């Protein structure tokens, strides 16, 4: 009964983005199903996708035309990442136009995406953009393949990445997420090895052990943007087929512990960096402080967190 009530809540028509993913990932309906097609068609008409698109400038940007990255988290870069999570694809004309603008302005030297004004890649941006664009329907675009190849070349030889170019850490999950979104049939042998090594890096640490306990990793948040938490780790590893690895025991136990009595999960935070470990730094650098922005209320039952948590459990057969 609890599971049925929660599923009915996720299937409510007011948020077609959640309904679409619940029908596909939890109910198991195919893309050709009438209700699935209807939910996808409604994405740009009502709910979160429609609300985000309503704030879009006619020429395809949000907040500022001259800079698609700031202000955090209101500018184009951040809105595109959320639209991708909400299953908005290039089939929506406004989304397609904004994708092309995004890729033109974030060219990576060599032909990929995620570069700065000089074409230099930053791991977090390359990983995030590549994942989002794959989700938005650009998986066959040559710019995507070049970006994935760049991620392979820049990975730590032992597996994993660092946001700032050397070493590796759990916070730098974005590269792995791009491969999790990319169709497995298109992986090269070098991609397979890169993903295996990166996944092992996370599994060795049980998705949470790296130095002292870092509180934001245990707070489930959305939008994720580029910050890690244990649910992010579970999404990645289960999408990559590692759901049965015994080293995920702690992560699954935390997921179940955080589940409410009514079967749902709360939104713990919107942006962990603002209220978490970076809070002091932002107090000292107020001009760089991001503007918290979210879809749901912190401390309340969250459709996005619940959808993601149940998808993880579904993949694991739990």
Protein backbone atom coordinates (compact mmCIF):
# COMPACT_ATOMS: atom_id res chain seq x y z
CA UNK A 1 0.00 0.00 0.00
CA UNK A 2 2.79 2.45 0.86
CA UNK A 3 4.54 1.79 -2.46
CA UNK A 4 1.30 2.28 -4.38
CA UNK A 5 0.57 5.61 -2.67
CA UNK A 6 4.08 6.85 -3.39
CA UNK A 7 3.89 5.78 -7.02
CA UNK A 8 0.52 7.48 -7.43
CA UNK A 9 2.08 10.66 -6.01
CA UNK A 10 4.90 10.52 -8.55
CA UNK A 11 2.44 9.84 -11.37
CA UNK A 12 0.38 12.97 -10.72
CA UNK A 13 -0.13 14.89 -13.94
CA UNK A 14 0.94 18.28 -12.55
CA UNK A 15 4.63 17.44 -13.02
CA UNK A 16 4.91 15.63 -16.37
CA UNK A 17 8.72 15.42 -16.01
CA UNK A 18 8.34 13.27 -12.90
CA UNK A 19 5.40 11.35 -14.35
CA UNK A 20 7.35 10.56 -17.53
CA UNK A 21 10.37 9.19 -15.66
CA UNK A 22 8.21 7.26 -13.20
CA UNK A 23 6.27 5.61 -16.02
CA UNK A 24 9.49 4.72 -17.81
CA UNK A 25 11.86 3.83 -14.96
CA UNK A 26 9.53 2.53 -12.23
CA UNK A 27 6.47 1.21 -14.04
CA UNK A 28 8.50 -0.04 -16.99
CA UNK A 29 6.38 1.42 -19.78
CA UNK A 30 8.08 1.68 -23.21
CA UNK A 31 8.58 4.98 -24.99
CA UNK A 32 5.83 3.98 -27.42
CA UNK A 33 3.24 3.75 -24.62
CA UNK A 34 0.41 6.27 -24.97
CA UNK A 35 0.75 7.64 -21.43
CA UNK A 36 4.53 7.93 -21.74
CA UNK A 37 4.20 9.83 -25.01
CA UNK A 38 1.55 12.09 -23.50
CA UNK A 39 3.71 12.90 -20.48
CA UNK A 40 6.68 13.73 -22.71
CA UNK A 41 4.50 15.93 -24.92
CA UNK A 42 3.33 17.85 -21.85
CA UNK A 43 6.85 18.65 -20.62
CA UNK A 44 6.97 22.09 -22.19
CA UNK A 45 3.33 22.89 -21.44
CA UNK A 46 3.12 22.63 -17.67
CA UNK A 47 5.28 21.98 -14.63
CA UNK A 48 8.96 22.67 -14.03
CA UNK A 49 10.17 22.48 -17.64
CA UNK A 50 7.52 24.94 -18.77
CA UNK A 51 8.36 27.28 -15.89
CA UNK A 52 12.09 27.26 -16.70
CA UNK A 53 11.46 27.82 -20.40
CA UNK A 54 9.15 30.73 -19.58
CA UNK A 55 12.16 32.55 -18.06
CA UNK A 56 14.31 31.99 -21.16
CA UNK A 57 15.24 35.00 -23.28
CA UNK A 58 14.13 34.79 -26.93
CA UNK A 59 17.75 34.36 -28.08
CA UNK A 60 18.19 31.27 -25.89
CA UNK A 61 19.87 32.39 -22.68
CA UNK A 62 18.90 32.81 -19.03
CA UNK A 63 19.96 35.65 -16.69
CA UNK A 64 22.79 37.13 -18.80
CA UNK A 65 23.55 36.99 -22.50
CA UNK A 66 27.23 37.88 -22.11
CA UNK A 67 28.02 35.10 -19.63
CA UNK A 68 26.21 31.75 -19.66
CA UNK A 69 27.87 30.56 -16.44
CA UNK A 70 27.14 33.31 -13.92
CA UNK A 71 25.28 34.11 -11.84
CA UNK A 72 25.24 30.73 -10.19
CA UNK A 73 22.73 29.06 -10.25
CA UNK A 74 20.50 31.18 -12.41
CA UNK A 75 22.48 31.38 -15.65
CA UNK A 76 22.11 29.26 -18.78
CA UNK A 77 24.64 26.56 -17.87
CA UNK A 78 22.77 25.64 -14.69
CA UNK A 79 19.29 25.79 -16.20
CA UNK A 80 20.35 23.47 -19.01
CA UNK A 81 21.61 20.86 -16.56
CA UNK A 82 18.25 20.86 -14.80
CA UNK A 83 16.29 20.71 -18.06
CA UNK A 84 18.29 17.62 -19.03
CA UNK A 85 17.45 15.95 -15.71
CA UNK A 86 13.79 16.74 -16.37
CA UNK A 87 13.95 14.90 -19.72
CA UNK A 88 13.66 18.01 -21.90
CA UNK A 89 15.33 17.18 -25.22
CA UNK A 90 16.23 18.78 -28.51
CA UNK A 91 12.77 17.80 -29.77
CA UNK A 92 11.57 20.98 -28.03
CA UNK A 93 12.62 23.84 -30.37
CA UNK A 94 13.57 26.21 -27.54
CA UNK A 95 15.73 23.55 -25.91
CA UNK A 96 17.46 22.74 -29.20
CA UNK A 97 18.28 26.42 -29.82
CA UNK A 98 19.68 26.83 -26.30
CA UNK A 99 21.75 23.64 -26.66
CA UNK A 100 23.38 25.01 -29.79
CA UNK A 101 24.08 28.35 -28.09
CA UNK A 102 25.55 26.52 -25.09
CA UNK A 103 27.84 24.41 -27.26
CA UNK A 104 29.00 27.38 -29.35
CA UNK A 105 29.93 29.37 -26.28
CA UNK A 106 31.62 26.45 -24.46
CA UNK A 107 33.80 25.01 -27.22
CA UNK A 108 36.52 22.58 -26.20
CA UNK A 109 39.77 22.65 -28.13
CA UNK A 110 39.71 19.69 -30.52
CA UNK A 111 35.99 19.93 -31.16
CA UNK A 112 34.26 18.90 -27.93
CA UNK A 113 32.21 20.83 -25.38
CA UNK A 114 32.94 22.27 -21.95
CA UNK A 115 35.82 24.61 -22.74
CA UNK A 116 36.44 28.15 -21.57
CA UNK A 117 37.04 31.17 -23.83
CA UNK A 118 40.42 29.69 -24.81
CA UNK A 119 39.03 26.22 -25.40
CA UNK A 120 40.63 24.80 -22.27
CA UNK A 121 38.51 22.10 -20.65
CA UNK A 122 37.49 22.00 -17.02
CA UNK A 123 36.57 18.51 -15.89
CA UNK A 124 33.35 19.41 -14.10
CA UNK A 125 32.03 21.46 -17.02
CA UNK A 126 33.01 18.92 -19.67
CA UNK A 127 31.46 16.06 -17.70
CA UNK A 128 28.26 17.90 -16.87
CA UNK A 129 27.73 19.29 -20.37
CA UNK A 130 28.45 15.97 -22.03
CA UNK A 131 26.02 14.10 -19.80
CA UNK A 132 23.29 16.71 -20.24
CA UNK A 133 23.65 16.87 -24.01
CA UNK A 134 23.50 13.08 -24.26
CA UNK A 135 20.30 13.17 -22.21
CA UNK A 136 18.98 15.88 -24.53
CA UNK A 137 19.47 13.74 -27.63
CA UNK A 138 22.96 14.62 -28.86
CA UNK A 139 24.55 11.20 -28.26
CA UNK A 140 25.42 10.82 -31.96
CA UNK A 141 26.86 14.33 -32.29
CA UNK A 142 30.65 14.16 -32.98
CA UNK A 143 31.23 16.85 -30.35
CA UNK A 144 30.00 14.41 -27.72
CA UNK A 145 32.39 11.65 -28.77
CA UNK A 146 35.30 14.11 -28.70
CA UNK A 147 34.31 15.22 -25.21
CA UNK A 148 34.18 11.62 -23.98
CA UNK A 149 37.59 10.96 -25.49
CA UNK A 150 38.91 14.04 -23.67
CA UNK A 151 37.54 12.64 -20.38
CA UNK A 152 39.35 9.36 -21.02
CA UNK A 153 42.64 11.15 -21.76
CA UNK A 154 42.44 13.39 -18.70
CA UNK A 155 41.40 10.75 -16.16
CA UNK A 156 43.83 9.77 -13.43
CA UNK A 157 45.72 6.63 -14.53
CA UNK A 158 44.45 4.82 -11.43
CA UNK A 159 40.83 5.80 -12.14
CA UNK A 160 38.68 8.84 -11.50
CA UNK A 161 39.14 12.55 -11.90
CA UNK A 162 39.78 15.76 -10.02
CA UNK A 163 37.83 18.94 -10.69
CA UNK A 164 41.08 20.88 -10.83
CA UNK A 165 43.16 18.65 -13.03
CA UNK A 166 45.32 16.46 -10.79
CA UNK A 167 44.57 13.55 -8.50
CA UNK A 168 41.08 12.19 -7.96
CA UNK A 169 38.27 12.58 -5.45
CA UNK A 170 34.67 11.55 -4.86
CA UNK A 171 33.45 15.07 -5.57
CA UNK A 172 34.51 14.77 -9.21
CA UNK A 173 31.71 12.46 -10.31
CA UNK A 174 30.74 14.28 -13.51
CA UNK A 175 33.04 12.38 -15.87
CA UNK A 176 31.61 9.06 -14.78
CA UNK A 177 28.09 10.42 -15.19
CA UNK A 178 28.74 11.22 -18.85
CA UNK A 179 29.63 7.60 -19.56
CA UNK A 180 26.65 6.38 -17.54
CA UNK A 181 24.41 8.35 -19.91
CA UNK A 182 26.20 7.28 -23.11
CA UNK A 183 24.82 4.19 -24.90
CA UNK A 184 26.94 1.22 -23.87
CA UNK A 185 27.05 -0.15 -27.42
CA UNK A 186 29.11 2.89 -28.46
CA UNK A 187 31.81 2.58 -25.80
CA UNK A 188 35.34 2.06 -27.02
CA UNK A 189 37.74 -0.27 -25.21
CA UNK A 190 39.50 2.76 -23.73
CA UNK A 191 36.17 4.01 -22.40
CA UNK A 192 35.45 0.63 -20.82
CA UNK A 193 38.77 0.64 -19.01
CA UNK A 194 38.35 4.24 -17.91
CA UNK A 195 34.89 3.57 -16.48
CA UNK A 196 35.99 0.35 -14.75
CA UNK A 197 38.85 2.14 -13.00
CA UNK A 198 36.69 5.11 -12.01
CA UNK A 199 33.89 2.88 -10.70
CA UNK A 200 36.41 0.91 -8.67
CA UNK A 201 37.67 4.14 -7.12
CA UNK A 202 34.15 4.83 -5.80
CA UNK A 203 33.52 1.25 -4.72
CA UNK A 204 36.78 1.04 -2.79
CA UNK A 205 35.56 3.99 -0.75
CA UNK A 206 32.00 2.65 -0.39
CA UNK A 207 30.76 5.92 -2.00
CA UNK A 208 31.55 7.98 1.10
CA UNK A 209 34.97 7.30 2.65
CA UNK A 210 37.62 9.85 1.76
CA UNK A 211 39.31 11.61 4.64
CA UNK A 212 37.11 12.84 7.47
CA UNK A 213 33.36 12.71 7.36
CA UNK A 214 32.04 15.43 5.05
CA UNK A 215 28.48 16.33 6.03
CA UNK A 216 27.17 17.47 2.59
CA UNK A 217 27.76 13.99 1.16
CA UNK A 218 25.05 12.64 3.47
CA UNK A 219 22.49 15.32 2.60
CA UNK A 220 20.38 14.45 -0.44
CA UNK A 221 20.04 17.57 -2.55
CA UNK A 222 18.64 18.85 -5.82
CA UNK A 223 19.54 20.39 -8.21
CA UNK A 224 22.73 18.35 -8.10
CA UNK A 225 24.67 20.61 -10.52
CA UNK A 226 28.25 19.62 -9.67
CA UNK A 227 28.03 18.65 -5.98
CA UNK A 228 28.26 15.05 -4.86
CA UNK A 229 26.25 13.11 -2.29
CA UNK A 230 25.76 9.39 -1.62
CA UNK A 231 22.56 9.27 -3.70
CA UNK A 232 24.51 10.70 -6.64
CA UNK A 233 27.02 7.88 -6.16
CA UNK A 234 24.29 5.26 -6.07
CA UNK A 235 22.71 6.63 -9.25
CA UNK A 236 26.03 6.36 -11.06
CA UNK A 237 27.08 2.92 -9.88
CA UNK A 238 23.68 1.31 -10.39
CA UNK A 239 23.38 2.86 -13.87
CA UNK A 240 26.76 1.31 -14.67
CA UNK A 241 25.60 -2.15 -13.59
CA UNK A 242 27.33 -2.31 -10.20
CA UNK A 243 24.16 -2.60 -8.10
CA UNK A 244 25.14 -6.03 -6.73
CA UNK A 245 28.56 -5.01 -5.45
CA UNK A 246 28.69 -5.67 -1.68
CA UNK A 247 30.65 -2.47 -1.15
CA UNK A 248 27.42 -0.53 -1.73
CA UNK A 249 26.04 -1.88 1.56
CA UNK A 250 26.61 1.35 3.46
CA UNK A 251 25.10 3.50 0.72
CA UNK A 252 21.94 1.38 0.45
CA UNK A 253 21.59 1.35 4.24
CA UNK A 254 21.81 5.16 4.31
CA UNK A 255 19.22 5.37 1.54
CA UNK A 256 16.78 3.20 3.51
CA UNK A 257 17.52 5.04 6.77
CA UNK A 258 16.58 8.36 5.20
CA UNK A 259 13.28 7.04 3.87
CA UNK A 260 10.23 8.49 5.60
CA UNK A 261 7.56 6.31 7.22
CA UNK A 262 5.24 7.15 4.32
CA UNK A 263 7.75 5.76 1.79
CA UNK A 264 9.01 9.09 0.46
CA UNK A 265 12.29 10.99 0.89
CA UNK A 266 12.78 14.59 1.93
CA UNK A 267 14.85 17.19 0.14
CA UNK A 268 17.71 17.81 2.59
CA UNK A 269 19.33 20.74 0.80
CA UNK A 270 19.20 22.82 -2.34
CA UNK A 271 22.90 23.68 -2.65
CA UNK A 272 25.21 22.03 -0.12
CA UNK A 273 28.06 24.41 -0.91
CA UNK A 274 26.14 27.49 0.28
CA UNK A 275 25.13 26.02 3.64
CA UNK A 276 27.88 23.42 4.01
CA UNK A 277 31.64 23.37 3.88
CA UNK A 278 31.91 26.43 1.64
CA UNK A 279 29.73 28.67 3.83
CA UNK A 280 32.67 30.44 5.46
CA UNK A 281 34.42 31.02 2.14
CA UNK A 282 31.29 32.62 0.68
CA UNK A 283 30.90 34.87 3.72
CA UNK A 284 34.42 36.11 3.04
CA UNK A 285 33.80 36.42 -0.73
CA UNK A 286 30.19 37.67 -0.96
CA UNK A 287 30.44 38.66 -4.64
CA UNK A 288 31.10 35.02 -5.57
CA UNK A 289 28.24 33.63 -3.51
CA UNK A 290 25.72 31.71 -5.66
CA UNK A 291 22.01 32.33 -5.52
CA UNK A 292 20.22 29.25 -4.12
CA UNK A 293 17.61 28.03 -6.56
CA UNK A 294 15.51 24.91 -6.46
CA UNK A 295 12.32 23.22 -7.54
CA UNK A 296 11.06 22.04 -4.15
CA UNK A 297 11.09 23.08 -0.49
CA UNK A 298 13.95 21.94 1.75
CA UNK A 299 12.82 19.66 4.58
CA UNK A 300 9.69 18.53 2.72
CA UNK A 301 8.90 15.37 0.74
CA UNK A 302 10.61 15.67 -2.64
CA UNK A 303 9.42 14.16 -5.89
CA UNK A 304 12.88 14.44 -7.41
CA UNK A 305 14.67 12.78 -4.50
CA UNK A 306 12.00 10.09 -4.19
CA UNK A 307 12.05 9.40 -7.93
CA UNK A 308 15.83 9.09 -7.97
CA UNK A 309 15.89 6.92 -4.83
CA UNK A 310 13.25 4.52 -6.12
CA UNK A 311 14.99 4.29 -9.50
CA UNK A 312 18.17 3.23 -7.70
CA UNK A 313 16.26 0.60 -5.71
CA UNK A 314 14.51 -0.61 -8.86
CA UNK A 315 17.85 -1.13 -10.62
CA UNK A 316 19.09 -3.08 -7.61
CA UNK A 317 16.00 -5.27 -7.47
CA UNK A 318 15.10 -3.92 -4.05
